[in-house]
N, C-alpha and C. Protein backbone atom coordinates (compact mmCIF):
# COMPACT_ATOMS: atom_id res chain seq x y z
N MET A 1 8.38 44.80 -10.33
CA MET A 1 7.10 45.03 -9.68
C MET A 1 6.13 43.88 -9.94
N SER A 2 6.17 43.32 -11.15
CA SER A 2 5.19 42.28 -11.46
C SER A 2 5.42 41.01 -10.64
N GLN A 3 6.69 40.72 -10.29
CA GLN A 3 6.95 39.55 -9.44
C GLN A 3 6.33 39.75 -8.05
N GLN A 4 6.44 40.97 -7.55
CA GLN A 4 5.85 41.29 -6.25
C GLN A 4 4.33 41.19 -6.31
N LEU A 5 3.75 41.63 -7.41
CA LEU A 5 2.30 41.55 -7.58
C LEU A 5 1.84 40.10 -7.69
N ILE A 6 2.61 39.28 -8.38
CA ILE A 6 2.28 37.85 -8.47
C ILE A 6 2.27 37.23 -7.07
N LYS A 7 3.29 37.55 -6.29
CA LYS A 7 3.39 37.01 -4.92
C LYS A 7 2.21 37.49 -4.07
N ARG A 8 1.90 38.78 -4.14
CA ARG A 8 0.77 39.32 -3.37
C ARG A 8 -0.56 38.68 -3.80
N THR A 9 -0.72 38.49 -5.09
CA THR A 9 -1.97 37.91 -5.61
C THR A 9 -2.12 36.48 -5.11
N HIS A 10 -1.05 35.71 -5.13
CA HIS A 10 -1.09 34.34 -4.60
C HIS A 10 -1.41 34.35 -3.10
N ASN A 11 -0.79 35.26 -2.37
CA ASN A 11 -1.06 35.36 -0.93
C ASN A 11 -2.53 35.70 -0.67
N LEU A 12 -3.06 36.63 -1.44
CA LEU A 12 -4.46 37.02 -1.26
C LEU A 12 -5.40 35.87 -1.64
N ARG A 13 -5.04 35.12 -2.67
CA ARG A 13 -5.86 33.94 -3.04
C ARG A 13 -5.88 32.93 -1.90
N ASN A 14 -4.73 32.71 -1.28
CA ASN A 14 -4.66 31.79 -0.14
C ASN A 14 -5.52 32.30 1.02
N GLU A 15 -5.43 33.60 1.27
CA GLU A 15 -6.24 34.19 2.35
C GLU A 15 -7.73 34.03 2.03
N LEU A 16 -8.08 34.22 0.78
CA LEU A 16 -9.47 34.08 0.34
C LEU A 16 -9.98 32.67 0.61
N ASP A 17 -9.15 31.68 0.33
CA ASP A 17 -9.53 30.29 0.59
C ASP A 17 -9.67 30.02 2.09
N THR A 18 -8.78 30.59 2.88
CA THR A 18 -8.84 30.44 4.33
C THR A 18 -10.11 31.08 4.89
N LEU A 19 -10.43 32.26 4.38
CA LEU A 19 -11.65 32.96 4.81
C LEU A 19 -12.90 32.15 4.48
N LYS A 20 -12.89 31.55 3.31
CA LYS A 20 -14.04 30.74 2.89
C LYS A 20 -14.22 29.55 3.82
N LYS A 21 -13.11 28.90 4.17
CA LYS A 21 -13.19 27.77 5.10
C LYS A 21 -13.77 28.21 6.44
N TYR A 22 -13.33 29.37 6.89
CA TYR A 22 -13.83 29.89 8.16
C TYR A 22 -15.34 30.14 8.06
N TYR A 23 -15.74 30.78 6.99
CA TYR A 23 -17.16 31.09 6.77
C TYR A 23 -18.00 29.81 6.78
N LEU A 24 -17.50 28.77 6.14
CA LEU A 24 -18.25 27.53 6.01
C LEU A 24 -18.26 26.68 7.28
N THR A 25 -17.31 26.88 8.16
CA THR A 25 -17.19 26.00 9.32
C THR A 25 -17.54 26.65 10.66
N HIS A 26 -17.84 27.93 10.66
CA HIS A 26 -18.13 28.62 11.91
C HIS A 26 -19.56 29.15 11.95
N GLU A 27 -20.02 29.37 13.15
CA GLU A 27 -21.33 29.98 13.37
C GLU A 27 -21.13 31.49 13.52
N PRO A 28 -22.18 32.25 13.23
CA PRO A 28 -22.06 33.70 13.47
C PRO A 28 -21.82 33.97 14.97
N PRO A 29 -21.17 35.06 15.27
CA PRO A 29 -20.96 35.38 16.70
C PRO A 29 -22.31 35.60 17.39
N LYS A 30 -22.39 35.19 18.62
CA LYS A 30 -23.65 35.36 19.37
C LYS A 30 -23.96 36.84 19.58
N ASN A 31 -22.92 37.61 19.79
CA ASN A 31 -23.09 39.04 20.00
C ASN A 31 -22.16 39.78 19.05
N LYS A 32 -22.73 40.43 18.04
CA LYS A 32 -21.91 41.10 17.02
C LYS A 32 -21.14 42.30 17.56
N SER A 33 -21.50 42.77 18.72
CA SER A 33 -20.76 43.90 19.29
C SER A 33 -19.80 43.47 20.40
N ASP A 34 -19.48 42.18 20.44
CA ASP A 34 -18.51 41.64 21.39
C ASP A 34 -17.13 42.22 21.08
N LYS A 35 -16.58 42.94 22.03
CA LYS A 35 -15.30 43.63 21.83
C LYS A 35 -14.16 42.64 21.57
N ASN A 36 -14.12 41.53 22.30
CA ASN A 36 -13.05 40.54 22.11
C ASN A 36 -13.10 39.94 20.70
N PHE A 37 -14.30 39.65 20.24
CA PHE A 37 -14.47 39.12 18.89
C PHE A 37 -13.99 40.15 17.86
N PHE A 38 -14.41 41.40 18.04
CA PHE A 38 -13.99 42.48 17.15
C PHE A 38 -12.46 42.59 17.11
N LEU A 39 -11.82 42.53 18.28
CA LEU A 39 -10.36 42.64 18.33
C LEU A 39 -9.68 41.46 17.64
N MET A 40 -10.25 40.27 17.79
CA MET A 40 -9.70 39.10 17.10
C MET A 40 -9.82 39.27 15.59
N VAL A 41 -10.98 39.73 15.12
CA VAL A 41 -11.19 39.95 13.69
C VAL A 41 -10.22 41.01 13.18
N LYS A 42 -10.09 42.08 13.92
CA LYS A 42 -9.19 43.17 13.53
C LYS A 42 -7.74 42.67 13.41
N GLU A 43 -7.32 41.88 14.39
CA GLU A 43 -5.96 41.35 14.38
C GLU A 43 -5.73 40.43 13.18
N ARG A 44 -6.71 39.59 12.87
CA ARG A 44 -6.58 38.65 11.75
C ARG A 44 -6.64 39.34 10.39
N THR A 45 -7.44 40.42 10.31
CA THR A 45 -7.68 41.03 8.99
C THR A 45 -6.77 42.21 8.66
N ASN A 46 -6.20 42.87 9.64
CA ASN A 46 -5.34 44.03 9.36
C ASN A 46 -4.24 43.74 8.35
N PRO A 47 -3.47 42.64 8.51
CA PRO A 47 -2.42 42.37 7.51
C PRO A 47 -3.01 42.16 6.11
N ILE A 48 -4.19 41.58 6.03
CA ILE A 48 -4.81 41.34 4.72
C ILE A 48 -5.22 42.68 4.10
N TYR A 49 -5.79 43.56 4.91
CA TYR A 49 -6.15 44.89 4.41
C TYR A 49 -4.92 45.61 3.86
N GLN A 50 -3.81 45.52 4.57
CA GLN A 50 -2.57 46.18 4.12
C GLN A 50 -2.06 45.58 2.82
N THR A 51 -2.08 44.27 2.72
CA THR A 51 -1.65 43.60 1.49
C THR A 51 -2.57 44.00 0.34
N LEU A 52 -3.85 44.04 0.61
CA LEU A 52 -4.84 44.39 -0.41
C LEU A 52 -4.63 45.82 -0.92
N GLU A 53 -4.28 46.71 -0.02
CA GLU A 53 -4.01 48.10 -0.39
C GLU A 53 -2.83 48.17 -1.36
N ARG A 54 -1.74 47.48 -1.01
CA ARG A 54 -0.55 47.47 -1.89
C ARG A 54 -0.85 46.76 -3.20
N TRP A 55 -1.62 45.67 -3.12
CA TRP A 55 -2.00 44.92 -4.32
C TRP A 55 -2.74 45.83 -5.29
N GLU A 56 -3.69 46.60 -4.78
CA GLU A 56 -4.47 47.50 -5.66
C GLU A 56 -3.55 48.52 -6.33
N GLU A 57 -2.67 49.14 -5.56
CA GLU A 57 -1.75 50.13 -6.12
C GLU A 57 -0.91 49.53 -7.25
N GLU A 58 -0.30 48.37 -6.98
CA GLU A 58 0.57 47.72 -7.97
C GLU A 58 -0.23 47.28 -9.20
N ALA A 59 -1.39 46.70 -8.97
CA ALA A 59 -2.20 46.22 -10.09
C ALA A 59 -2.66 47.38 -10.96
N LEU A 60 -3.12 48.46 -10.34
CA LEU A 60 -3.56 49.63 -11.12
C LEU A 60 -2.40 50.23 -11.91
N HIS A 61 -1.21 50.22 -11.31
CA HIS A 61 -0.02 50.72 -12.01
C HIS A 61 0.23 49.91 -13.29
N LEU A 62 0.14 48.59 -13.19
CA LEU A 62 0.36 47.74 -14.37
C LEU A 62 -0.78 47.85 -15.38
N VAL A 63 -1.98 48.06 -14.89
CA VAL A 63 -3.13 48.26 -15.78
C VAL A 63 -2.92 49.53 -16.61
N LYS A 64 -2.48 50.60 -15.94
CA LYS A 64 -2.26 51.87 -16.64
C LYS A 64 -1.14 51.76 -17.67
N GLN A 65 -0.18 50.89 -17.42
CA GLN A 65 0.92 50.67 -18.36
C GLN A 65 0.53 49.67 -19.45
N ARG A 66 -0.68 49.16 -19.37
CA ARG A 66 -1.22 48.17 -20.31
C ARG A 66 -0.41 46.86 -20.32
N ILE A 67 0.18 46.54 -19.17
CA ILE A 67 0.93 45.29 -19.04
C ILE A 67 -0.04 44.13 -18.82
N VAL A 68 -1.15 44.42 -18.16
CA VAL A 68 -2.18 43.40 -17.93
C VAL A 68 -3.47 43.86 -18.59
N ASP A 69 -4.27 42.90 -18.99
CA ASP A 69 -5.50 43.17 -19.74
C ASP A 69 -6.72 43.11 -18.82
N VAL A 70 -6.63 43.84 -17.71
CA VAL A 70 -7.71 43.90 -16.74
C VAL A 70 -8.13 45.36 -16.66
N HIS A 71 -9.42 45.60 -16.55
CA HIS A 71 -9.93 46.97 -16.47
C HIS A 71 -9.69 47.52 -15.07
N PRO A 72 -9.35 48.82 -14.97
CA PRO A 72 -9.10 49.40 -13.64
C PRO A 72 -10.28 49.19 -12.67
N GLN A 73 -11.50 49.26 -13.18
CA GLN A 73 -12.67 49.07 -12.32
C GLN A 73 -12.72 47.65 -11.72
N GLN A 74 -12.20 46.67 -12.49
CA GLN A 74 -12.16 45.29 -11.96
C GLN A 74 -11.22 45.20 -10.75
N ILE A 75 -10.12 45.92 -10.82
CA ILE A 75 -9.16 45.92 -9.71
C ILE A 75 -9.80 46.56 -8.48
N THR A 76 -10.39 47.73 -8.67
CA THR A 76 -11.03 48.43 -7.56
C THR A 76 -12.17 47.62 -6.96
N SER A 77 -13.00 47.04 -7.83
CA SER A 77 -14.13 46.23 -7.35
C SER A 77 -13.64 44.98 -6.60
N THR A 78 -12.56 44.39 -7.10
CA THR A 78 -12.02 43.20 -6.45
C THR A 78 -11.54 43.55 -5.04
N LYS A 79 -10.86 44.67 -4.91
CA LYS A 79 -10.41 45.10 -3.59
C LYS A 79 -11.61 45.32 -2.67
N GLU A 80 -12.62 46.02 -3.17
CA GLU A 80 -13.82 46.30 -2.36
C GLU A 80 -14.54 45.00 -1.99
N ASN A 81 -14.64 44.08 -2.93
CA ASN A 81 -15.31 42.81 -2.66
C ASN A 81 -14.55 41.99 -1.61
N MET A 82 -13.23 42.03 -1.70
CA MET A 82 -12.45 41.27 -0.72
C MET A 82 -12.59 41.90 0.66
N GLU A 83 -12.65 43.23 0.72
CA GLU A 83 -12.87 43.89 2.01
C GLU A 83 -14.22 43.48 2.60
N LEU A 84 -15.22 43.37 1.76
CA LEU A 84 -16.53 42.89 2.22
C LEU A 84 -16.42 41.46 2.76
N LEU A 85 -15.75 40.61 2.00
CA LEU A 85 -15.62 39.21 2.41
C LEU A 85 -14.84 39.06 3.72
N LEU A 86 -13.90 39.95 3.94
CA LEU A 86 -13.14 39.89 5.18
C LEU A 86 -14.09 39.96 6.37
N LEU A 87 -15.06 40.85 6.30
CA LEU A 87 -16.01 40.98 7.40
C LEU A 87 -17.07 39.88 7.37
N HIS A 88 -17.61 39.61 6.18
CA HIS A 88 -18.64 38.58 6.07
C HIS A 88 -18.13 37.22 6.54
N SER A 89 -16.86 36.96 6.34
CA SER A 89 -16.29 35.66 6.71
C SER A 89 -16.35 35.43 8.21
N PHE A 90 -16.18 36.48 8.98
CA PHE A 90 -16.18 36.34 10.44
C PHE A 90 -17.55 36.58 11.05
N TYR A 91 -18.26 37.56 10.51
CA TYR A 91 -19.56 37.87 11.09
C TYR A 91 -20.68 36.99 10.51
N ILE A 92 -20.35 36.34 9.40
CA ILE A 92 -21.26 35.38 8.76
C ILE A 92 -22.66 36.00 8.67
N ASP A 93 -22.70 37.16 8.04
CA ASP A 93 -23.94 37.93 7.98
C ASP A 93 -24.44 38.15 6.56
N VAL A 94 -24.09 37.23 5.68
CA VAL A 94 -24.57 37.30 4.30
C VAL A 94 -24.92 35.87 3.87
N LYS A 95 -25.91 35.76 3.00
CA LYS A 95 -26.33 34.43 2.54
C LYS A 95 -25.19 33.75 1.80
N ARG A 96 -25.18 32.43 1.90
CA ARG A 96 -24.12 31.63 1.28
C ARG A 96 -23.97 31.91 -0.22
N LYS A 97 -25.08 32.01 -0.92
CA LYS A 97 -25.04 32.25 -2.37
C LYS A 97 -24.29 33.55 -2.68
N ARG A 98 -24.61 34.61 -1.96
CA ARG A 98 -23.96 35.90 -2.17
C ARG A 98 -22.46 35.81 -1.83
N TYR A 99 -22.16 35.13 -0.75
CA TYR A 99 -20.77 34.95 -0.33
C TYR A 99 -19.98 34.27 -1.44
N MET A 100 -20.55 33.18 -1.97
CA MET A 100 -19.86 32.41 -3.01
C MET A 100 -19.71 33.22 -4.30
N GLU A 101 -20.70 34.06 -4.62
CA GLU A 101 -20.59 34.92 -5.80
C GLU A 101 -19.43 35.90 -5.65
N LEU A 102 -19.32 36.52 -4.48
CA LEU A 102 -18.22 37.45 -4.24
C LEU A 102 -16.88 36.71 -4.30
N ASN A 103 -16.82 35.55 -3.67
CA ASN A 103 -15.60 34.75 -3.66
C ASN A 103 -15.18 34.39 -5.09
N HIS A 104 -16.14 33.94 -5.88
CA HIS A 104 -15.85 33.55 -7.27
C HIS A 104 -15.38 34.76 -8.09
N SER A 105 -16.03 35.88 -7.90
CA SER A 105 -15.67 37.10 -8.63
C SER A 105 -14.23 37.53 -8.33
N ILE A 106 -13.85 37.46 -7.07
CA ILE A 106 -12.48 37.84 -6.67
C ILE A 106 -11.48 36.86 -7.27
N HIS A 107 -11.77 35.57 -7.17
CA HIS A 107 -10.88 34.56 -7.76
C HIS A 107 -10.73 34.78 -9.27
N TYR A 108 -11.80 35.12 -9.93
CA TYR A 108 -11.76 35.33 -11.38
C TYR A 108 -10.76 36.42 -11.73
N VAL A 109 -10.81 37.55 -11.04
CA VAL A 109 -9.89 38.66 -11.36
C VAL A 109 -8.46 38.29 -10.96
N PHE A 110 -8.29 37.65 -9.80
CA PHE A 110 -6.94 37.21 -9.41
C PHE A 110 -6.35 36.29 -10.48
N ASP A 111 -7.14 35.32 -10.95
CA ASP A 111 -6.67 34.37 -11.96
C ASP A 111 -6.36 35.06 -13.28
N GLN A 112 -7.22 35.99 -13.66
CA GLN A 112 -6.99 36.73 -14.91
C GLN A 112 -5.69 37.54 -14.82
N LEU A 113 -5.48 38.18 -13.70
CA LEU A 113 -4.26 38.95 -13.49
C LEU A 113 -3.03 38.06 -13.53
N LEU A 114 -3.09 36.94 -12.85
CA LEU A 114 -1.95 36.00 -12.84
C LEU A 114 -1.67 35.46 -14.24
N ARG A 115 -2.72 35.16 -15.00
CA ARG A 115 -2.54 34.69 -16.38
C ARG A 115 -1.81 35.74 -17.22
N ASP A 116 -2.25 36.99 -17.11
CA ASP A 116 -1.62 38.06 -17.89
C ASP A 116 -0.17 38.28 -17.46
N LEU A 117 0.11 38.17 -16.18
CA LEU A 117 1.46 38.39 -15.69
C LEU A 117 2.42 37.25 -16.04
N SER A 118 1.88 36.09 -16.32
CA SER A 118 2.74 34.95 -16.64
C SER A 118 3.06 34.87 -18.14
N LYS A 119 2.49 35.75 -18.94
CA LYS A 119 2.75 35.75 -20.39
C LYS A 119 4.14 36.29 -20.69
């Protein structure tokens, strides 16, 4: 299970970096209720949401077994923060400072988890 979690964590880190690039290089949509834009966002983010769901389950399982030294609340918060960033990245509706704080927080937990799993 831990190899699968390592792979998922790396994939999510890559997605996080891609989302950040999108956030930094795009303008907010002119119309936030544009159906085509919504469908594009949904198509791009659905696989990430699914990966994130499995990541949380696997990470919490290892936390409960005390295999990793991460608090369960950190896992849950990281999932919630990434879900927020998924939308903020496309709708660009949060200040840059807040975006970067969320991004950094998610990276911190991903890195901590990977460090513990590589021991």
